[in-house]
Protein backbone atom coordinates (compact mmCIF):
# COMPACT_ATOMS: atom_id res chain seq x y z
CA MET A 1 -17.11 2.99 -16.06
CA LYS A 2 -13.40 2.64 -16.81
CA ASN A 3 -12.51 4.37 -13.56
CA ARG A 4 -14.67 1.95 -11.57
CA LYS A 5 -13.12 -1.03 -13.36
CA ALA A 6 -9.62 0.28 -12.60
CA LEU A 7 -10.65 0.81 -8.97
CA LYS A 8 -11.84 -2.80 -8.72
CA ILE A 9 -8.53 -4.06 -10.09
CA PHE A 10 -6.72 -1.85 -7.55
CA LEU A 11 -8.83 -3.21 -4.66
CA TYR A 12 -8.09 -6.80 -5.74
CA CYS A 13 -4.35 -6.13 -5.96
CA ILE A 14 -3.71 -3.84 -2.96
CA PRO A 15 -3.64 -6.65 -0.33
CA PHE A 16 -0.41 -8.13 -1.67
CA PRO A 17 1.92 -5.11 -1.24
CA VAL A 18 0.28 -4.30 2.14
CA LEU A 19 0.84 -7.88 3.33
CA LEU A 20 4.48 -7.65 2.27
CA PHE A 21 4.99 -4.20 3.80
CA SER A 22 3.50 -5.38 7.10
CA LEU A 23 6.39 -7.81 7.53
CA PHE A 24 8.65 -4.78 7.89
CA ALA A 25 6.36 -2.92 10.31
CA GLY A 26 7.01 -3.28 14.02
CA PRO A 27 8.72 -1.69 17.01
CA SER A 28 11.55 -4.22 17.18
CA GLU A 29 15.06 -2.75 17.18
CA ILE A 30 16.42 -6.00 15.79
CA ALA A 31 14.03 -6.54 12.87
CA THR A 32 14.33 -3.06 11.38
CA ILE A 33 13.72 -2.51 7.67
CA ASP A 34 17.43 -2.56 6.87
CA ASN A 35 18.02 -5.71 8.92
CA VAL A 36 15.05 -7.48 7.36
CA LEU A 37 16.31 -6.61 3.90
CA ASP A 38 19.74 -7.94 4.89
CA TYR A 39 18.07 -11.11 6.17
CA PHE A 40 16.25 -11.73 2.87
CA GLU A 41 19.47 -11.05 0.96
CA HIS A 42 21.17 -13.54 3.26
CA ILE A 43 18.47 -16.12 2.47
CA ILE A 44 18.82 -15.58 -1.28
CA LYS A 45 22.61 -15.65 -1.37
CA GLN A 46 22.97 -18.19 1.47
CA GLU A 47 25.84 -16.31 3.05
CA ASN A 48 26.33 -14.06 6.07
CA LEU A 49 26.42 -10.49 4.81
CA ASN A 50 26.67 -8.94 8.25
CA THR A 51 28.10 -11.07 11.06
CA GLY A 52 26.69 -8.60 13.59
CA LEU A 53 23.11 -9.65 12.77
CA ASP A 54 21.36 -12.52 14.54
CA TYR A 55 19.52 -14.02 11.58
CA SER A 56 17.77 -16.67 13.71
CA THR A 57 16.20 -13.96 15.90
CA ILE A 58 15.05 -11.98 12.86
CA GLN A 59 13.54 -15.15 11.41
CA ILE A 60 11.58 -15.79 14.63
CA ILE A 61 10.28 -12.20 14.68
CA LEU A 62 9.23 -12.33 11.04
CA PHE A 63 7.69 -15.78 10.76
CA ASP A 64 6.61 -16.66 14.31
CA ILE A 65 5.45 -13.24 15.53
CA ARG A 66 4.67 -10.90 12.65
CA LEU A 67 3.43 -13.28 9.94
CA PRO A 68 0.70 -15.03 11.98
CA ARG A 69 -0.46 -11.64 13.26
CA ILE A 70 -0.62 -10.32 9.70
CA LEU A 71 -2.68 -13.30 8.56
CA ILE A 72 -5.04 -13.05 11.55
CA ALA A 73 -5.57 -9.31 10.97
CA PHE A 74 -6.36 -9.91 7.30
CA LEU A 75 -8.72 -12.82 7.98
CA VAL A 76 -10.54 -11.00 10.79
CA GLY A 77 -10.98 -7.81 8.78
CA GLY A 78 -12.26 -9.72 5.76
CA ALA A 79 -14.64 -11.85 7.85
CA LEU A 80 -16.21 -8.89 9.66
CA SER A 81 -16.58 -6.90 6.46
CA VAL A 82 -18.21 -9.73 4.48
CA SER A 83 -20.50 -10.59 7.42
CA GLY A 84 -21.61 -6.98 7.77
CA SER A 85 -22.32 -6.73 4.05
CA GLY A 86 -24.40 -9.91 4.07
CA LEU A 87 -26.42 -8.87 7.12
CA GLN A 88 -27.11 -5.42 5.67
CA ALA A 89 -28.41 -7.05 2.48
CA ILE A 90 -30.83 -9.52 4.08
CA PHE A 91 -32.19 -6.99 6.58
CA ARG A 92 -32.29 -4.26 3.91
CA ASN A 93 -30.79 -1.74 6.29
CA PRO A 94 -27.39 -0.03 6.08
CA LEU A 95 -27.19 0.34 9.86
CA VAL A 96 -27.11 -3.40 10.54
CA SER A 97 -23.83 -5.08 11.48
CA PRO A 98 -22.60 -7.95 13.67
CA TYR A 99 -21.99 -5.34 16.38
CA ILE A 100 -25.46 -3.77 16.16
CA LEU A 101 -27.35 -7.08 16.10
CA GLY A 102 -25.67 -8.32 19.26
CA LEU A 103 -23.60 -10.97 17.47
CA SER A 104 -20.34 -9.45 18.68
CA SER A 105 -21.52 -9.25 22.30
CA GLY A 106 -22.93 -12.77 22.20
CA ALA A 107 -19.78 -14.21 20.69
CA ALA A 108 -17.69 -12.21 23.17
CA PHE A 109 -19.66 -13.64 26.08
CA GLY A 110 -19.30 -17.18 24.74
CA ALA A 111 -15.57 -16.81 24.17
CA ALA A 112 -15.03 -15.22 27.60
CA LEU A 113 -17.03 -18.02 29.20
CA ALA A 114 -14.82 -20.59 27.46
CA LEU A 115 -11.66 -18.71 28.46
CA ALA A 116 -12.75 -18.49 32.09
CA PHE A 117 -14.16 -21.96 32.65
CA THR A 118 -12.83 -24.03 29.69
CA PHE A 119 -16.08 -25.93 29.22
CA LEU A 120 -15.98 -25.61 25.42
CA PRO A 121 -13.42 -24.63 22.78
CA VAL A 122 -13.38 -20.85 22.34
CA GLN A 123 -14.45 -20.91 18.69
CA ILE A 124 -17.43 -23.21 19.32
CA ALA A 125 -18.63 -21.21 22.32
CA ALA A 126 -18.28 -17.93 20.40
CA PHE A 127 -20.21 -19.30 17.43
CA LEU A 128 -23.06 -20.76 19.52
CA PHE A 129 -23.62 -17.65 21.62
CA GLY A 130 -23.16 -15.33 18.62
CA LEU A 131 -25.84 -17.23 16.73
CA LEU A 132 -28.05 -17.22 19.83
CA ALA A 133 -27.74 -13.43 20.12
CA VAL A 134 -28.75 -12.85 16.48
CA ALA A 135 -31.65 -15.31 16.83
CA LEU A 136 -32.90 -13.51 19.94
CA SER A 137 -32.66 -10.14 18.19
CA TYR A 138 -34.54 -11.48 15.17
CA LEU A 139 -37.28 -13.20 17.20
CA ALA A 140 -37.76 -10.19 19.48
CA ALA A 141 -38.29 -7.93 16.44
CA LEU A 142 -40.57 -10.38 14.63
CA LYS A 143 -44.27 -9.54 15.05
CA HIS A 144 -47.05 -11.29 13.14
CA LYS A 145 -44.46 -12.58 10.65
CA ASN A 146 -43.45 -9.00 9.85
CA LEU A 147 -40.01 -7.66 10.62
CA SER A 148 -39.61 -4.00 11.50
CA ILE A 149 -36.08 -2.74 10.90
CA VAL A 150 -36.39 -0.23 13.73
CA SER A 151 -37.54 -3.02 16.06
CA LEU A 152 -34.65 -5.19 14.88
CA ILE A 153 -32.06 -2.54 15.67
CA LEU A 154 -33.66 -1.79 19.04
CA SER A 155 -33.85 -5.48 19.95
CA GLY A 156 -30.22 -5.85 18.87
CA VAL A 157 -29.24 -3.06 21.23
CA VAL A 158 -31.15 -4.74 24.08
CA VAL A 159 -29.69 -8.20 23.38
CA SER A 160 -26.23 -6.68 23.09
CA GLY A 161 -26.72 -5.02 26.47
CA ILE A 162 -27.81 -8.31 28.05
CA PHE A 163 -24.77 -10.20 26.79
CA THR A 164 -22.49 -7.32 27.77
CA ALA A 165 -23.90 -7.57 31.31
CA LEU A 166 -23.35 -11.34 31.30
CA LEU A 167 -19.80 -10.74 30.09
CA THR A 168 -19.26 -8.43 33.06
CA ILE A 169 -20.46 -11.18 35.41
CA VAL A 170 -17.99 -13.62 33.85
CA GLN A 171 -15.20 -11.09 34.37
CA PHE A 172 -16.26 -10.62 37.98
CA LEU A 173 -16.20 -14.38 38.66
CA SER A 174 -12.91 -15.05 36.85
CA ASP A 175 -9.61 -15.35 38.65
CA PRO A 176 -7.18 -12.40 38.20
CA PHE A 177 -4.99 -14.14 35.64
CA LYS A 178 -7.86 -15.08 33.34
CA LEU A 179 -9.54 -11.71 33.95
CA GLN A 180 -6.56 -9.84 32.53
CA SER A 181 -6.71 -11.93 29.36
CA ILE A 182 -10.46 -11.41 28.99
CA VAL A 183 -10.23 -7.62 29.51
CA HIS A 184 -7.44 -7.26 26.94
CA TRP A 185 -9.33 -9.50 24.56
CA THR A 186 -12.62 -7.56 24.83
CA MET A 187 -10.83 -4.37 23.77
CA GLY A 188 -9.96 -5.96 20.46
CA ASN A 189 -6.34 -6.98 20.37
CA LEU A 190 -4.05 -9.02 18.16
CA HIS A 191 -0.97 -9.11 20.39
CA ASN A 192 -1.58 -12.80 21.23
CA ALA A 193 -1.83 -13.87 17.59
CA ASN A 194 0.12 -17.02 16.81
CA TRP A 195 0.03 -19.95 14.41
CA HIS A 196 -2.46 -21.78 16.63
CA SER A 197 -4.84 -18.82 16.27
CA VAL A 198 -4.43 -18.94 12.50
CA GLN A 199 -5.11 -22.68 12.38
CA SER A 200 -8.15 -22.53 14.69
CA SER A 201 -9.83 -19.58 12.93
CA PHE A 202 -8.90 -20.18 9.29
CA ILE A 203 -11.41 -22.95 8.51
CA PRO A 204 -14.43 -21.34 10.31
CA ILE A 205 -13.76 -17.95 8.74
CA LEU A 206 -13.20 -19.43 5.29
CA SER A 207 -16.33 -21.58 5.65
CA GLY A 208 -18.51 -18.62 6.69
CA VAL A 209 -17.15 -16.38 3.94
CA THR A 210 -17.62 -19.16 1.37
CA ILE A 211 -21.28 -19.59 2.39
CA LEU A 212 -21.88 -15.87 1.94
CA PHE A 213 -19.97 -15.80 -1.35
CA LEU A 214 -22.08 -18.66 -2.73
CA MET A 215 -25.19 -16.72 -1.69
CA ARG A 216 -24.02 -13.48 -3.34
CA TRP A 217 -26.62 -13.36 -6.15
CA ARG A 218 -29.38 -14.38 -3.74
CA LEU A 219 -28.41 -11.44 -1.52
CA ASN A 220 -29.34 -9.10 -4.37
CA VAL A 221 -32.79 -10.68 -4.55
CA LEU A 222 -33.27 -10.69 -0.76
CA ALA A 223 -32.31 -7.02 -0.65
CA LEU A 224 -35.38 -6.28 -2.79
CA GLY A 225 -37.77 -7.61 -0.14
CA ASP A 226 -39.53 -10.86 0.81
CA GLU A 227 -42.30 -10.53 -1.76
CA GLU A 228 -39.87 -10.01 -4.62
CA ALA A 229 -37.81 -12.96 -3.37
CA ARG A 230 -40.85 -15.26 -3.33
CA SER A 231 -41.84 -14.15 -6.82
CA SER A 232 -38.33 -15.13 -7.95
CA GLY A 233 -38.79 -18.64 -6.55
CA ILE A 234 -36.69 -18.08 -3.42
CA ASN A 235 -37.78 -18.92 0.11
CA PRO A 236 -36.63 -15.79 1.99
CA VAL A 237 -36.80 -17.39 5.44
CA THR A 238 -34.55 -20.31 4.49
CA GLU A 239 -32.13 -18.08 2.59
CA LYS A 240 -31.87 -15.62 5.48
CA ILE A 241 -31.13 -18.44 7.92
CA ILE A 242 -28.30 -19.66 5.68
CA VAL A 243 -26.86 -16.13 5.46
CA LEU A 244 -27.17 -15.72 9.24
CA ILE A 245 -25.29 -18.98 9.81
CA GLY A 246 -22.52 -17.96 7.42
CA ALA A 247 -22.20 -14.47 8.92
CA SER A 248 -22.30 -15.82 12.47
CA LEU A 249 -19.68 -18.47 11.71
CA ALA A 250 -17.26 -15.99 10.14
CA SER A 251 -17.82 -13.21 12.68
CA SER A 252 -17.72 -15.41 15.78
CA ALA A 253 -14.50 -17.08 14.61
CA ALA A 254 -12.98 -13.64 14.02
CA ILE A 255 -14.14 -12.38 17.42
CA SER A 256 -12.83 -15.47 19.19
CA VAL A 257 -9.24 -14.70 18.13
CA ALA A 258 -9.31 -10.89 17.95
CA GLY A 259 -11.90 -9.78 20.50
CA ILE A 260 -14.53 -7.12 19.90
CA ILE A 261 -13.63 -4.83 17.00
CA GLY A 262 -16.42 -2.29 17.15
CA LEU A 263 -18.20 -0.85 14.10
CA TYR A 264 -15.82 -2.49 11.62
CA GLY A 265 -18.51 -4.66 10.04
CA LEU A 266 -20.61 -1.53 9.64
CA ILE A 267 -18.27 0.98 8.03
CA ILE A 268 -16.31 -1.20 5.57
CA PRO A 269 -19.37 -2.41 3.57
CA HIS A 270 -20.38 1.24 3.23
CA MET A 271 -16.95 2.20 1.95
CA VAL A 272 -17.05 -0.62 -0.60
CA ARG A 273 -20.55 0.32 -1.82
CA MET A 274 -19.50 3.95 -2.17
CA MET A 275 -16.53 2.85 -4.30
CA VAL A 276 -17.93 0.07 -6.50
CA GLY A 277 -21.72 0.05 -6.04
CA PRO A 278 -24.23 -2.19 -4.24
CA ASP A 279 -24.08 -5.34 -6.42
CA ASN A 280 -23.32 -8.16 -3.96
CA ARG A 281 -22.04 -10.39 -6.75
CA GLN A 282 -19.04 -8.08 -6.94
CA THR A 283 -18.85 -6.42 -3.54
CA LEU A 284 -18.60 -9.58 -1.38
CA LEU A 285 -15.14 -10.53 -2.61
CA ILE A 286 -14.01 -6.89 -2.62
CA ASN A 287 -15.29 -6.58 0.94
CA PHE A 288 -13.04 -9.45 1.97
CA PHE A 289 -9.93 -8.03 0.29
CA PHE A 290 -10.51 -4.42 1.27
CA GLY A 291 -11.70 -5.26 4.78
CA GLY A 292 -8.68 -7.44 5.43
CA THR A 293 -6.27 -4.87 4.01
CA PHE A 294 -7.74 -1.93 5.89
CA LEU A 295 -7.65 -3.75 9.26
CA LEU A 296 -4.08 -4.80 8.55
CA ILE A 297 -3.12 -1.16 7.95
CA ILE A 298 -4.83 -0.19 11.22
CA ASP A 299 -2.96 -2.96 13.03
CA ASP A 300 0.37 -1.80 11.57
CA PHE A 301 -0.46 1.67 12.82
CA SER A 302 -1.47 0.42 16.29
CA ARG A 303 1.83 -1.39 16.89
CA THR A 304 4.20 1.21 15.46
CA ILE A 305 2.76 4.63 16.35
CA ALA A 306 3.90 4.50 19.99
CA SER A 307 6.25 2.62 22.29
CA PHE A 308 3.22 0.69 23.57
CA GLU A 309 0.54 -1.10 21.57
CA ILE A 310 -2.86 0.55 21.19
CA PRO A 311 -5.75 -1.99 21.15
CA ILE A 312 -7.01 -2.27 17.60
CA GLY A 313 -10.65 -2.19 18.73
CA VAL A 314 -10.09 1.28 20.18
CA ILE A 315 -8.76 2.60 16.87
CA THR A 316 -11.58 1.10 14.79
CA MET A 317 -14.14 2.63 17.16
CA LEU A 318 -12.46 6.05 16.92
CA ILE A 319 -12.48 5.79 13.12
CA GLY A 320 -15.91 4.18 12.85
CA ALA A 321 -17.88 6.53 15.11
CA PRO A 322 -17.26 9.75 13.10
CA PHE A 323 -17.74 7.86 9.85
CA PHE A 324 -21.03 6.46 11.14
CA LEU A 325 -22.23 9.97 12.04
CA TYR A 326 -21.19 11.16 8.60
CA LEU A 327 -23.23 8.39 6.99
CA MET A 328 -26.26 9.23 9.09
CA ASN A 329 -26.17 12.82 7.81
CA LYS A 330 -26.07 11.71 4.17
CA SER A 331 -29.35 11.16 2.40
CA ASN A 332 -27.89 8.43 0.18
CA LEU A 333 -26.10 5.59 1.96
CA GLY A 334 -25.13 3.72 -1.18
CA TRP A 335 -28.10 1.46 -1.90
CA GLU A 336 -29.26 3.24 -5.01
CA ASN A 337 -25.94 3.76 -6.75
């Protein structure tokens, strides 16, 4: 019990040193660790400690390039993790995620459509088509007012395939300049992160996460089943729709600025449940902190491990796929702990 309490405190506190460390991470030969430390000492003492350093350039790298990217990575990781946790609770299945249900593909199609033809803002298009994809998956799996989890996952795969095909058509019809942006974006990438991205995604992500956080105790009831929810005085259909809206809002906003980050919303909720248990009243906030921190660490790795930047979606898929197979081979996926 004490160990779990200490672990929770650690998970709440770990984002702050990682956020600070990420300011020092990057391939720049100008903003090295020593130069950044000299810059902060220069700011504190208000004097030039090393006339050979271009403090204005270091300031631009830190606060106009690295800081917005750090914030976007943290927000996106937290949004996907919380959304995945909420969806797994209402569908009572540990294999459900924004990626599996087609939300990612739908939001990706909407965002690519907005990027290619500018008929709607990217965030709005991503949200609308992400919500449409989840609704189609849900309705396709619904039979005689009963929802089969296997049917839901299968319908999610089909809907995801449809929107992926539509995304390919958009890429085919786009001009070469927009096509390059769409292709890079669909791989999951944060290299275009800027303060505009932070401003446009902050409110939708925060709104979606807040909706799910306010529903955290209801998620525990919904995870027991529809009959148990009704006996507790809760309308499961209405509550599930609210959770779907919150998860779609947070996930689609994250996807619109970061692209498709595969399997992230699946593996992080599992990690959190394995560490602190399945109680959504506690895990939702931890999912946000841990999900944001873990994606930030992956992003630091992606932009420092080589002379070129590895798309973050590629790394999460390489990490997520073996972890997913490991979970499938375990008899206990964390619901009973």
